[in-house]
PDB file of N, CA and C in Angstrom:
ATOM      1  N   ALA A   1       0.628  -0.977   0.040  1.00  0.00           N
ATOM      2  CA  ALA A   1       0.105  -0.029  -0.157  1.00  0.00           C
ATOM      3  C   ALA A   1       0.741   1.395   0.000  1.00  0.00           C
ATOM      4  N   ALA A   2       0.710   2.342  -0.452  1.00  0.00           N
ATOM      5  CA  ALA A   2       1.116   3.310  -0.735  1.00  0.00           C
ATOM      6  C   ALA A   2       0.864   4.460   0.320  1.00  0.00           C
ATOM      7  N   VAL A   3      -0.088   4.139   0.884  1.00  0.00           N
ATOM      8  CA  VAL A   3      -0.801   5.092   2.293  1.00  0.00           C
ATOM      9  C   VAL A   3      -1.195   4.129   3.342  1.00  0.00           C
ATOM     10  N   VAL A   4      -1.012   4.435   4.539  1.00  0.00           N
ATOM     11  CA  VAL A   4      -1.941   3.763   5.417  1.00  0.00           C
ATOM     12  C   VAL A   4      -2.055   4.346   6.635  1.00  0.00           C
ATOM     13  N   GLY A   5      -3.157   4.179   7.332  1.00  0.00           N
ATOM     14  CA  GLY A   5      -3.749   5.192   8.108  1.00  0.00           C
ATOM     15  C   GLY A   5      -3.905   4.589   9.218  1.00  0.00           C
ATOM     16  N   LEU A   6      -3.263   5.035  10.549  1.00  0.00           N
ATOM     17  CA  LEU A   6      -3.854   4.304  11.932  1.00  0.00           C
ATOM     18  C   LEU A   6      -3.803   5.589  12.880  1.00  0.00           C
ATOM     19  N   THR A   7      -4.398   5.012  13.883  1.00  0.00           N
ATOM     20  CA  THR A   7      -4.133   6.075  14.747  1.00  0.00           C
ATOM     21  C   THR A   7      -2.833   5.603  15.745  1.00  0.00           C
ATOM     22  N   THR A   8      -2.161   6.426  16.365  1.00  0.00           N
ATOM     23  CA  THR A   8      -1.094   5.977  17.350  1.00  0.00           C
ATOM     24  C   THR A   8      -1.316   4.615  18.032  1.00  0.00           C
ATOM     25  N   THR A   9      -2.725   4.233  18.495  1.00  0.00           N
ATOM     26  CA  THR A   9      -3.095   3.247  19.497  1.00  0.00           C
ATOM     27  C   THR A   9      -3.114   2.318  18.383  1.00  0.00           C
ATOM     28  N   GLY A  10      -3.496   2.342  17.548  1.00  0.00           N
ATOM     29  CA  GLY A  10      -3.624   0.951  16.172  1.00  0.00           C
ATOM     30  C   GLY A  10      -2.014   0.636  15.684  1.00  0.00           C
ATOM     31  N   CYS A  11      -0.981   1.741  15.411  1.00  0.00           N
ATOM     32  CA  CYS A  11       0.003   1.593  15.255  1.00  0.00           C
ATOM     33  C   CYS A  11       0.707   0.714  16.430  1.00  0.00           C
ATOM     34  N   ALA A  12       0.265   0.909  17.727  1.00  0.00           N
ATOM     35  CA  ALA A  12       0.739   0.435  18.547  1.00  0.00           C
ATOM     36  C   ALA A  12       0.994  -1.434  18.631  1.00  0.00           C
ATOM     37  N   ILE A  13      -0.770  -1.379  18.718  1.00  0.00           N
ATOM     38  CA  ILE A  13      -1.441  -2.714  18.504  1.00  0.00           C
ATOM     39  C   ILE A  13      -0.875  -3.322  17.292  1.00  0.00           C
ATOM     40  N   HIS A  14      -0.998  -2.795  16.168  1.00  0.00           N
ATOM     41  CA  HIS A  14      -0.639  -3.732  14.938  1.00  0.00           C
ATOM     42  C   HIS A  14       1.136  -3.405  14.716  1.00  0.00           C
ATOM     43  N   GLN A  15       2.290  -3.435  15.634  1.00  0.00           N
ATOM     44  CA  GLN A  15       3.239  -3.120  15.179  1.00  0.00           C
ATOM     45  C   GLN A  15       3.738  -4.414  14.150  1.00  0.00           C
ATOM     46  N   ASP A  16       3.661  -5.473  14.178  1.00  0.00           N
ATOM     47  CA  ASP A  16       3.884  -6.315  13.372  1.00  0.00           C
ATOM     48  C   ASP A  16       3.735  -6.200  12.196  1.00  0.00           C
ATOM     49  N   LEU A  17       2.546  -5.712  11.598  1.00  0.00           N
ATOM     50  CA  LEU A  17       2.132  -5.312  10.411  1.00  0.00           C
ATOM     51  C   LEU A  17       2.669  -4.150   9.911  1.00  0.00           C
ATOM     52  N   VAL A  18       2.605  -3.130  11.014  1.00  0.00           N
ATOM     53  CA  VAL A  18       3.810  -1.961  10.353  1.00  0.00           C
ATOM     54  C   VAL A  18       5.465  -1.643  10.080  1.00  0.00           C
ATOM     55  N   ARG A  19       5.814  -2.785  11.075  1.00  0.00           N
ATOM     56  CA  ARG A  19       7.312  -3.240  10.422  1.00  0.00           C
ATOM     57  C   ARG A  19       7.298  -4.095   8.854  1.00  0.00           C
ATOM     58  N   GLN A  20       6.505  -4.698   8.958  1.00  0.00           N
ATOM     59  CA  GLN A  20       6.306  -5.610   7.455  1.00  0.00           C
ATOM     60  C   GLN A  20       5.821  -4.284   5.817  1.00  0.00           C
ATOM     61  N   LEU A  21       4.960  -3.686   6.582  1.00  0.00           N
ATOM     62  CA  LEU A  21       5.200  -2.460   5.622  1.00  0.00           C
ATOM     63  C   LEU A  21       6.301  -1.720   5.194  1.00  0.00           C
ATOM     64  N   LYS A  22       7.325  -1.680   6.373  1.00  0.00           N
ATOM     65  CA  LYS A  22       8.271  -0.906   6.257  1.00  0.00           C
ATOM     66  C   LYS A  22       7.808   0.739   5.446  1.00  0.00           C
ATOM     67  N   PRO A  23       7.317   1.408   6.255  1.00  0.00           N
ATOM     68  CA  PRO A  23       6.965   2.640   5.751  1.00  0.00           C
ATOM     69  C   PRO A  23       8.290   3.629   6.161  1.00  0.00           C
ATOM     70  N   LEU A  24       8.382   4.239   4.938  1.00  0.00           N
ATOM     71  CA  LEU A  24       9.648   5.562   5.003  1.00  0.00           C
ATOM     72  C   LEU A  24       8.796   6.935   5.581  1.00  0.00           C
ATOM     73  N   VAL A  25       7.944   7.019   5.486  1.00  0.00           N
ATOM     74  CA  VAL A  25       7.345   8.627   5.912  1.00  0.00           C
ATOM     75  C   VAL A  25       6.403   8.167   7.299  1.00  0.00           C
ATOM     76  N   LEU A  26       6.546   8.938   8.441  1.00  0.00           N
ATOM     77  CA  LEU A  26       5.540   8.931   9.495  1.00  0.00           C
ATOM     78  C   LEU A  26       5.155  10.342   9.476  1.00  0.00           C
ATOM     79  N   ILE A  27       3.481  10.226   9.098  1.00  0.00           N
ATOM     80  CA  ILE A  27       2.502  11.617   9.339  1.00  0.00           C
ATOM     81  C   ILE A  27       2.277  11.761  10.181  1.00  0.00           C
ATOM     82  N   VAL A  28       2.407  12.592  10.898  1.00  0.00           N
ATOM     83  CA  VAL A  28       1.718  12.438  12.427  1.00  0.00           C
ATOM     84  C   VAL A  28       0.536  13.822  12.565  1.00  0.00           C
ATOM     85  N   GLU A  29      -0.681  13.569  12.873  1.00  0.00           N
ATOM     86  CA  GLU A  29      -1.630  14.447  12.855  1.00  0.00           C
ATOM     87  C   GLU A  29      -1.889  15.275  14.160  1.00  0.00           C
ATOM     88  N   GLU A  30      -2.047  16.192  14.273  1.00  0.00           N
ATOM     89  CA  GLU A  30      -2.379  16.510  15.723  1.00  0.00           C
ATOM     90  C   GLU A  30      -1.107  16.003  16.442  1.00  0.00           C
ATOM     91  N   ALA A  31      -0.035  16.754  16.091  1.00  0.00           N
ATOM     92  CA  ALA A  31       0.955  16.167  16.976  1.00  0.00           C
ATOM     93  C   ALA A  31       1.488  16.775  18.212  1.00  0.00           C
ATOM     94  N   ALA A  32       0.739  17.830  18.331  1.00  0.00           N
ATOM     95  CA  ALA A  32       1.225  18.887  19.794  1.00  0.00           C
ATOM     96  C   ALA A  32       0.358  18.256  20.399  1.00  0.00           C
ATOM     97  N   GLU A  33      -0.638  17.064  20.171  1.00  0.00           N
ATOM     98  CA  GLU A  33      -1.573  17.049  21.528  1.00  0.00           C
ATOM     99  C   GLU A  33      -1.135  15.189  21.893  1.00  0.00           C
ATOM    100  N   ILE A  34      -0.410  14.692  21.036  1.00  0.00           N
ATOM    101  CA  ILE A  34       0.095  13.519  21.420  1.00  0.00           C
ATOM    102  C   ILE A  34       1.280  13.532  22.164  1.00  0.00           C
ATOM    103  N   LEU A  35       1.167  12.562  23.295  1.00  0.00           N
ATOM    104  CA  LEU A  35       2.310  12.305  23.977  1.00  0.00           C
ATOM    105  C   LEU A  35       3.365  11.779  22.911  1.00  0.00           C
ATOM    106  N   GLU A  36       4.424  12.094  24.014  1.00  0.00           N
ATOM    107  CA  GLU A  36       6.259  11.398  23.288  1.00  0.00           C
ATOM    108  C   GLU A  36       5.822   9.854  23.063  1.00  0.00           C
ATOM    109  N   SER A  37       5.656   8.968  24.125  1.00  0.00           N
ATOM    110  CA  SER A  37       5.404   7.795  24.114  1.00  0.00           C
ATOM    111  C   SER A  37       4.797   7.225  23.040  1.00  0.00           C
ATOM    112  N   GLN A  38       3.683   7.778  22.564  1.00  0.00           N
ATOM    113  CA  GLN A  38       2.499   7.224  21.387  1.00  0.00           C
ATOM    114  C   GLN A  38       2.914   7.590  20.191  1.00  0.00           C
ATOM    115  N   VAL A  39       3.931   8.551  20.141  1.00  0.00           N
ATOM    116  CA  VAL A  39       4.730   8.997  18.648  1.00  0.00           C
ATOM    117  C   VAL A  39       6.077   8.021  18.527  1.00  0.00           C
ATOM    118  N   LEU A  40       6.569   7.701  19.288  1.00  0.00           N
ATOM    119  CA  LEU A  40       7.689   6.771  19.362  1.00  0.00           C
ATOM    120  C   LEU A  40       7.202   5.506  19.157  1.00  0.00           C
ATOM    121  N   CYS A  41       6.200   5.414  19.642  1.00  0.00           N
ATOM    122  CA  CYS A  41       5.805   3.509  19.103  1.00  0.00           C
ATOM    123  C   CYS A  41       5.344   3.334  17.783  1.00  0.00           C
ATOM    124  N   CYS A  42       5.416   4.511  16.997  1.00  0.00           N
ATOM    125  CA  CYS A  42       4.855   4.094  15.655  1.00  0.00           C
ATOM    126  C   CYS A  42       6.384   4.627  14.884  1.00  0.00           C
ATOM    127  N   PHE A  43       7.598   4.748  15.305  1.00  0.00           N
ATOM    128  CA  PHE A  43       8.861   4.238  14.523  1.00  0.00           C
ATOM    129  C   PHE A  43       9.309   2.857  14.382  1.00  0.00           C
ATOM    130  N   THR A  44       9.817   2.739  13.222  1.00  0.00           N
ATOM    131  CA  THR A  44      10.094   1.565  12.675  1.00  0.00           C
ATOM    132  C   THR A  44      11.548   1.906  12.366  1.00  0.00           C
ATOM    133  N   LYS A  45      12.837   0.832  12.107  1.00  0.00           N
ATOM    134  CA  LYS A  45      13.533   0.895  11.242  1.00  0.00           C
ATOM    135  C   LYS A  45      14.113   1.261  10.213  1.00  0.00           C
ATOM    136  N   SER A  46      12.509   1.273   9.483  1.00  0.00           N
ATOM    137  CA  SER A  46      12.670   1.827   8.286  1.00  0.00           C
ATOM    138  C   SER A  46      12.296   3.267   7.992  1.00  0.00           C
ATOM    139  N   VAL A  47      11.274   3.709   9.045  1.00  0.00           N
ATOM    140  CA  VAL A  47      11.060   5.385   8.844  1.00  0.00           C
ATOM    141  C   VAL A  47      12.732   6.027   8.717  1.00  0.00           C
ATOM    142  N   LYS A  48      12.443   7.094   7.807  1.00  0.00           N
ATOM    143  CA  LYS A  48      13.448   8.065   7.264  1.00  0.00           C
ATOM    144  C   LYS A  48      13.201   9.417   8.073  1.00  0.00           C
ATOM    145  N   GLN A  49      11.465   9.590   7.614  1.00  0.00           N
ATOM    146  CA  GLN A  49      11.395  10.866   7.789  1.00  0.00           C
ATOM    147  C   GLN A  49       9.754  10.951   8.864  1.00  0.00           C
ATOM    148  N   ILE A  50       9.918  11.883   9.550  1.00  0.00           N
ATOM    149  CA  ILE A  50       8.855  12.279  10.138  1.00  0.00           C
ATOM    150  C   ILE A  50       7.953  13.764   9.773  1.00  0.00           C
ATOM    151  N   ILE A  51       6.673  13.466   9.281  1.00  0.00           N
ATOM    152  CA  ILE A  51       5.999  14.949   9.332  1.00  0.00           C
ATOM    153  C   ILE A  51       4.934  14.868  10.517  1.00  0.00           C
ATOM    154  N   MET A  52       5.288  16.075  11.527  1.00  0.00           N
ATOM    155  CA  MET A  52       4.682  16.662  12.669  1.00  0.00           C
ATOM    156  C   MET A  52       3.413  17.565  12.071  1.00  0.00           C
ATOM    157  N   ILE A  53       2.316  17.430  12.221  1.00  0.00           N
ATOM    158  CA  ILE A  53       1.263  18.378  11.593  1.00  0.00           C
ATOM    159  C   ILE A  53       0.362  19.064  13.157  1.00  0.00           C
ATOM    160  N   GLY A  54       1.054  19.847  13.015  1.00  0.00           N
ATOM    161  CA  GLY A  54      -0.093  20.374  14.852  1.00  0.00           C
ATOM    162  C   GLY A  54       0.391  21.755  14.874  1.00  0.00           C
ATOM    163  N   ASP A  55       0.002  22.458  15.984  1.00  0.00           N
ATOM    164  CA  ASP A  55       0.026  23.450  16.597  1.00  0.00           C
ATOM    165  C   ASP A  55       0.549  23.513  17.984  1.00  0.00           C
ATOM    166  N   HIS A  56       1.664  23.820  18.652  1.00  0.00           N
ATOM    167  CA  HIS A  56       2.432  23.535  19.664  1.00  0.00           C
ATOM    168  C   HIS A  56       1.908  24.767  20.355  1.00  0.00           C
ATOM    169  N   LYS A  57       1.294  26.071  19.753  1.00  0.00           N
ATOM    170  CA  LYS A  57       0.580  26.719  20.868  1.00  0.00           C
ATOM    171  C   LYS A  57      -0.351  26.931  21.576  1.00  0.00           C
ATOM    172  N   GLN A  58      -1.078  25.541  20.922  1.00  0.00           N
ATOM    173  CA  GLN A  58      -2.986  25.536  21.551  1.00  0.00           C
ATOM    174  C   GLN A  58      -2.509  24.097  22.405  1.00  0.00           C
ATOM    175  N   LEU A  59      -3.495  23.045  21.914  1.00  0.00           N
ATOM    176  CA  LEU A  59      -3.455  22.105  23.161  1.00  0.00           C
ATOM    177  C   LEU A  59      -2.117  21.191  23.432  1.00  0.00           C
ATOM    178  N   GLN A  60      -1.738  20.802  24.525  1.00  0.00           N
ATOM    179  CA  GLN A  60      -0.910  19.660  25.091  1.00  0.00           C
ATOM    180  C   GLN A  60      -1.283  18.558  25.297  1.00  0.00           C
ATOM    181  N   PRO A  61      -0.501  17.626  25.456  1.00  0.00           N
ATOM    182  CA  PRO A  61      -1.191  16.323  25.651  1.00  0.00           C
ATOM    183  C   PRO A  61      -1.692  16.272  27.074  1.00  0.00           C
ATOM    184  N   SER A  62      -2.574  15.586  26.607  1.00  0.00           N
ATOM    185  CA  SER A  62      -3.485  15.248  28.351  1.00  0.00           C
ATOM    186  C   SER A  62      -3.058  14.088  28.872  1.00  0.00           C
ATOM    187  N   VAL A  63      -2.838  14.165  30.347  1.00  0.00           N
ATOM    188  CA  VAL A  63      -2.629  13.330  30.731  1.00  0.00           C
ATOM    189  C   VAL A  63      -3.144  13.398  32.205  1.00  0.00           C
ATOM    190  N   GLU A  64      -3.433  12.048  32.873  1.00  0.00           N
ATOM    191  CA  GLU A  64      -4.949  11.842  34.217  1.00  0.00           C
ATOM    192  C   GLU A  64      -4.065  12.239  35.141  1.00  0.00           C
ATOM    193  N   THR A  65      -2.890  12.181  35.653  1.00  0.00           N
ATOM    194  CA  THR A  65      -1.991  12.981  36.665  1.00  0.00           C
ATOM    195  C   THR A  65      -1.218  14.230  36.594  1.00  0.00           C
ATOM    196  N   LEU A  66      -1.618  15.188  36.822  1.00  0.00           N
ATOM    197  CA  LEU A  66      -1.325  16.628  36.845  1.00  0.00           C
ATOM    198  C   LEU A  66      -0.165  16.423  37.183  1.00  0.00           C
ATOM    199  N   ARG A  67       0.417  15.900  38.858  1.00  0.00           N
ATOM    200  CA  ARG A  67       1.458  15.426  39.269  1.00  0.00           C
ATOM    201  C   ARG A  67       2.860  15.037  38.375  1.00  0.00           C
ATOM    202  N   LEU A  68       2.282  13.796  37.728  1.00  0.00           N
ATOM    203  CA  LEU A  68       3.085  12.915  37.206  1.00  0.00           C
ATOM    204  C   LEU A  68       3.270  13.840  36.010  1.00  0.00           C
ATOM    205  N   SER A  69       2.506  14.334  35.281  1.00  0.00           N
ATOM    206  CA  SER A  69       2.232  14.856  34.032  1.00  0.00           C
ATOM    207  C   SER A  69       3.782  16.078  34.307  1.00  0.00           C
ATOM    208  N   LEU A  70       3.361  16.941  35.282  1.00  0.00           N
ATOM    209  CA  LEU A  70       4.059  17.997  35.531  1.00  0.00           C
ATOM    210  C   LEU A  70       5.878  17.609  35.923  1.00  0.00           C
ATOM    211  N   ARG A  71       5.722  16.700  37.046  1.00  0.00           N
ATOM    212  CA  ARG A  71       7.100  16.223  37.293  1.00  0.00           C
ATOM    213  C   ARG A  71       8.061  15.485  36.374  1.00  0.00           C
ATOM    214  N   CYS A  72       7.111  14.704  35.300  1.00  0.00           N
ATOM    215  CA  CYS A  72       8.059  14.107  33.923  1.00  0.00           C
ATOM    216  C   CYS A  72       7.959  14.972  32.678  1.00  0.00           C
ATOM    217  N   HIS A  73       7.039  15.795  32.891  1.00  0.00           N
ATOM    218  CA  HIS A  73       7.298  16.889  31.714  1.00  0.00           C
ATOM    219  C   HIS A  73       6.344  15.960  30.626  1.00  0.00           C
ATOM    220  N   LEU A  74       5.197  15.406  30.869  1.00  0.00           N
ATOM    221  CA  LEU A  74       4.538  14.930  29.940  1.00  0.00           C
ATOM    222  C   LEU A  74       3.441  15.695  29.226  1.00  0.00           C
ATOM    223  N   HIS A  75       3.242  16.906  29.864  1.00  0.00           N
ATOM    224  CA  HIS A  75       2.513  17.991  29.386  1.00  0.00           C
ATOM    225  C   HIS A  75       3.211  18.306  27.826  1.00  0.00           C
ATOM    226  N   LEU A  76       4.037  17.996  27.526  1.00  0.00           N
ATOM    227  CA  LEU A  76       4.736  18.846  26.358  1.00  0.00           C
ATOM    228  C   LEU A  76       4.994  17.511  25.236  1.00  0.00           C
ATOM    229  N   SER A  77       4.723  17.807  24.335  1.00  0.00           N
ATOM    230  CA  SER A  77       4.938  16.412  23.192  1.00  0.00           C
ATOM    231  C   SER A  77       5.622  16.518  22.920  1.00  0.00           C
ATOM    232  N   LEU A  78       6.256  15.610  21.595  1.00  0.00           N
ATOM    233  CA  LEU A  78       7.618  15.411  20.953  1.00  0.00           C
ATOM    234  C   LEU A  78       7.624  16.706  19.754  1.00  0.00           C
ATOM    235  N   PHE A  79       6.538  16.913  19.279  1.00  0.00           N
ATOM    236  CA  PHE A  79       6.743  18.218  18.648  1.00  0.00           C
ATOM    237  C   PHE A  79       7.151  19.458  19.396  1.00  0.00           C
ATOM    238  N   GLU A  80       6.332  19.594  20.341  1.00  0.00           N
ATOM    239  CA  GLU A  80       6.955  21.232  21.241  1.00  0.00           C
ATOM    240  C   GLU A  80       8.108  21.092  21.849  1.00  0.00           C
ATOM    241  N   ARG A  81       8.573  19.993  22.472  1.00  0.00           N
ATOM    242  CA  ARG A  81      10.100  19.426  22.855  1.00  0.00           C
ATOM    243  C   ARG A  81      11.416  20.037  21.735  1.00  0.00           C
ATOM    244  N   LEU A  82      10.539  19.507  20.147  1.00  0.00           N
ATOM    245  CA  LEU A  82      11.578  20.103  19.305  1.00  0.00           C
ATOM    246  C   LEU A  82      11.430  21.110  19.012  1.00  0.00           C
ATOM    247  N   VAL A  83      10.785  21.851  18.916  1.00  0.00           N
ATOM    248  CA  VAL A  83      10.201  23.488  18.933  1.00  0.00           C
ATOM    249  C   VAL A  83      11.189  24.272  19.961  1.00  0.00           C
ATOM    250  N   ASN A  84      10.824  23.619  20.985  1.00  0.00           N
ATOM    251  CA  ASN A  84      11.449  24.242  22.263  1.00  0.00           C
ATOM    252  C   ASN A  84      12.948  24.232  22.230  1.00  0.00           C
ATOM    253  N   CYS A  85      13.773  23.085  21.382  1.00  0.00           N
ATOM    254  CA  CYS A  85      15.135  23.235  21.492  1.00  0.00           C
ATOM    255  C   CYS A  85      15.350  23.478  20.250  1.00  0.00           C
ATOM    256  N   GLY A  86      14.817  24.457  19.598  1.00  0.00           N
ATOM    257  CA  GLY A  86      15.485  24.931  18.095  1.00  0.00           C
ATOM    258  C   GLY A  86      15.021  24.749  17.007  1.00  0.00           C
ATOM    259  N   LEU A  87      14.415  23.755  16.811  1.00  0.00           N
ATOM    260  CA  LEU A  87      14.124  23.195  15.490  1.00  0.00           C
ATOM    261  C   LEU A  87      12.632  24.129  15.291  1.00  0.00           C
ATOM    262  N   PRO A  88      13.367  24.570  13.778  1.00  0.00           N
ATOM    263  CA  PRO A  88      12.304  25.923  13.710  1.00  0.00           C
ATOM    264  C   PRO A  88      10.891  24.899  13.072  1.00  0.00           C
ATOM    265  N   PRO A  89       9.477  25.399  13.390  1.00  0.00           N
ATOM    266  CA  PRO A  89       8.387  24.934  12.677  1.00  0.00           C
ATOM    267  C   PRO A  89       7.942  25.761  11.454  1.00  0.00           C
ATOM    268  N   PHE A  90       7.419  24.995  10.548  1.00  0.00           N
ATOM    269  CA  PHE A  90       6.835  25.661   9.477  1.00  0.00           C
ATOM    270  C   PHE A  90       5.583  26.123   9.670  1.00  0.00           C
ATOM    271  N   VAL A  91       5.719  27.814  10.063  1.00  0.00           N
ATOM    272  CA  VAL A  91       4.136  27.905  10.229  1.00  0.00           C
ATOM    273  C   VAL A  91       3.383  28.815   9.134  1.00  0.00           C
ATOM    274  N   LEU A  92       1.886  28.313   9.227  1.00  0.00           N
ATOM    275  CA  LEU A  92       1.213  28.855   8.274  1.00  0.00           C
ATOM    276  C   LEU A  92       0.725  30.301   8.765  1.00  0.00           C
ATOM    277  N   ASN A  93       0.564  31.253   7.683  1.00  0.00           N
ATOM    278  CA  ASN A  93       0.640  32.875   8.134  1.00  0.00           C
ATOM    279  C   ASN A  93      -0.578  33.008   7.691  1.00  0.00           C
ATOM    280  N   VAL A  94      -1.546  32.729   6.619  1.00  0.00           N
ATOM    281  CA  VAL A  94      -2.455  32.609   6.500  1.00  0.00           C
ATOM    282  C   VAL A  94      -3.625  31.685   7.122  1.00  0.00           C
ATOM    283  N   GLN A  95      -4.855  32.542   7.392  1.00  0.00           N
ATOM    284  CA  GLN A  95      -6.010  31.736   8.098  1.00  0.00           C
ATOM    285  C   GLN A  95      -7.536  32.113   6.817  1.00  0.00           C
ATOM    286  N   ARG A  96      -8.196  31.472   6.942  1.00  0.00           N
ATOM    287  CA  ARG A  96      -9.326  31.900   6.274  1.00  0.00           C
ATOM    288  C   ARG A  96     -10.600  31.102   6.641  1.00  0.00           C
ATOM    289  N   ARG A  97     -10.791  30.959   8.034  1.00  0.00           N
ATOM    290  CA  ARG A  97     -11.794  30.260   8.653  1.00  0.00           C
ATOM    291  C   ARG A  97     -12.631  30.878   9.721  1.00  0.00           C
ATOM    292  N   MET A  98     -11.480  32.499   9.813  1.00  0.00           N
ATOM    293  CA  MET A  98     -11.857  33.266  11.450  1.00  0.00           C
ATOM    294  C   MET A  98     -12.401  34.541  10.978  1.00  0.00           C
ATOM    295  N   THR A  99     -13.469  34.852  11.373  1.00  0.00           N
ATOM    296  CA  THR A  99     -13.582  36.537  11.317  1.00  0.00           C
ATOM    297  C   THR A  99     -12.501  37.652  11.342  1.00  0.00           C
ATOM    298  N   LEU A 100     -12.546  38.779  11.082  1.00  0.00           N
ATOM    299  CA  LEU A 100     -11.132  39.856  11.106  1.00  0.00           C
ATOM    300  C   LEU A 100     -11.321  39.813  12.551  1.00  0.00           C
ATOM    301  N   ALA A 101     -12.502  39.753  13.281  1.00  0.00           N
ATOM    302  CA  ALA A 101     -12.495  40.209  14.709  1.00  0.00           C
ATOM    303  C   ALA A 101     -11.859  39.144  15.908  1.00  0.00           C
ATOM    304  N   LEU A 102     -12.255  37.772  15.319  1.00  0.00           N
ATOM    305  CA  LEU A 102     -11.575  36.797  16.053  1.00  0.00           C
ATOM    306  C   LEU A 102     -10.006  36.788  16.176  1.00  0.00           C
ATOM    307  N   ASN A 103      -9.585  37.101  14.586  1.00  0.00           N
ATOM    308  CA  ASN A 103      -8.086  37.203  13.983  1.00  0.00           C
ATOM    309  C   ASN A 103      -7.408  37.876  15.045  1.00  0.00           C
ATOM    310  N   ALA A 104      -7.768  39.127  15.271  1.00  0.00           N
ATOM    311  CA  ALA A 104      -7.367  40.452  16.364  1.00  0.00           C
ATOM    312  C   ALA A 104      -7.248  39.736  17.406  1.00  0.00           C
ATOM    313  N   LEU A 105      -8.186  38.845  17.913  1.00  0.00           N
ATOM    314  CA  LEU A 105      -7.939  38.303  19.223  1.00  0.00           C
ATOM    315  C   LEU A 105      -6.463  37.338  19.383  1.00  0.00           C
ATOM    316  N   VAL A 106      -6.650  36.504  18.236  1.00  0.00           N
ATOM    317  CA  VAL A 106      -5.194  35.705  18.462  1.00  0.00           C
ATOM    318  C   VAL A 106      -3.671  36.243  17.965  1.00  0.00           C
ATOM    319  N   GLU A 107      -3.975  37.411  17.457  1.00  0.00           N
ATOM    320  CA  GLU A 107      -2.759  37.791  17.204  1.00  0.00           C
ATOM    321  C   GLU A 107      -1.609  38.006  17.824  1.00  0.00           C
ATOM    322  N   PRO A 108      -1.961  38.073  19.080  1.00  0.00           N
ATOM    323  CA  PRO A 108      -0.753  38.218  20.000  1.00  0.00           C
ATOM    324  C   PRO A 108       0.005  36.876  20.075  1.00  0.00           C
ATOM    325  N   ILE A 109      -0.810  35.873  19.824  1.00  0.00           N
ATOM    326  CA  ILE A 109      -0.182  34.530  20.039  1.00  0.00           C
ATOM    327  C   ILE A 109       0.592  34.275  18.878  1.00  0.00           C
ATOM    328  N   TYR A 110      -0.172  34.800  17.665  1.00  0.00           N
ATOM    329  CA  TYR A 110       0.105  34.307  15.893  1.00  0.00           C
ATOM    330  C   TYR A 110       0.488  35.887  15.395  1.00  0.00           C
ATOM    331  N   PRO A 111       1.774  36.337  15.579  1.00  0.00           N
ATOM    332  CA  PRO A 111       1.921  37.373  15.176  1.00  0.00           C
ATOM    333  C   PRO A 111       1.774  37.850  13.687  1.00  0.00           C
ATOM    334  N   GLY A 112       1.362  38.586  13.100  1.00  0.00           N
ATOM    335  CA  GLY A 112       1.346  38.354  11.436  1.00  0.00           C
ATOM    336  C   GLY A 112       0.471  37.635  10.660  1.00  0.00           C
ATOM    337  N   LEU A 113      -0.565  37.225  11.473  1.00  0.00           N
ATOM    338  CA  LEU A 113      -1.759  36.410  10.556  1.00  0.00           C
ATOM    339  C   LEU A 113      -2.311  36.937  10.111  1.00  0.00           C
ATOM    340  N   GLN A 114      -2.512  36.299   8.672  1.00  0.00           N
ATOM    341  CA  GLN A 114      -3.173  37.300   7.837  1.00  0.00           C
ATOM    342  C   GLN A 114      -4.887  36.567   7.786  1.00  0.00           C
ATOM    343  N   SER A 115      -5.563  37.206   6.917  1.00  0.00           N
ATOM    344  CA  SER A 115      -7.043  36.874   6.933  1.00  0.00           C
ATOM    345  C   SER A 115      -7.347  37.171   5.108  1.00  0.00           C
ATOM    346  N   CYS A 116      -7.608  36.183   4.792  1.00  0.00           N
ATOM    347  CA  CYS A 116      -8.301  36.130   3.518  1.00  0.00           C
ATOM    348  C   CYS A 116      -9.835  36.207   3.905  1.00  0.00           C
ATOM    349  N   PRO A 117     -10.072  37.257   2.047  1.00  0.00           N
ATOM    350  CA  PRO A 117     -11.660  37.503   2.506  1.00  0.00           C
ATOM    351  C   PRO A 117     -12.257  36.163   2.561  1.00  0.00           C
TER     352      PRO A 117
END
């Protein structure tokens, strides 16, 4: 198959199948909301490139135990850790879904964000 779609849970459960498929590219959607361990379980020896899609300035991974989350830094996704370590993310600078009034509210978080009519 040229493209196979799985959740991170499905990838962990079907690790033998994923290894047999020998994927070269791993695409992770909502990468900023996924625990680092969930992404790591999707890696195989064949993976040469990872593409992480998400917004590290929005929702973080959800961990049931706040104390554990903070002590072990589980509230940071692999995506956010990479950005924090200096890996520059590719950031979209044009949005087409918000009204101009809403766009003005998020401008401090996303400076330079443009709205298309």
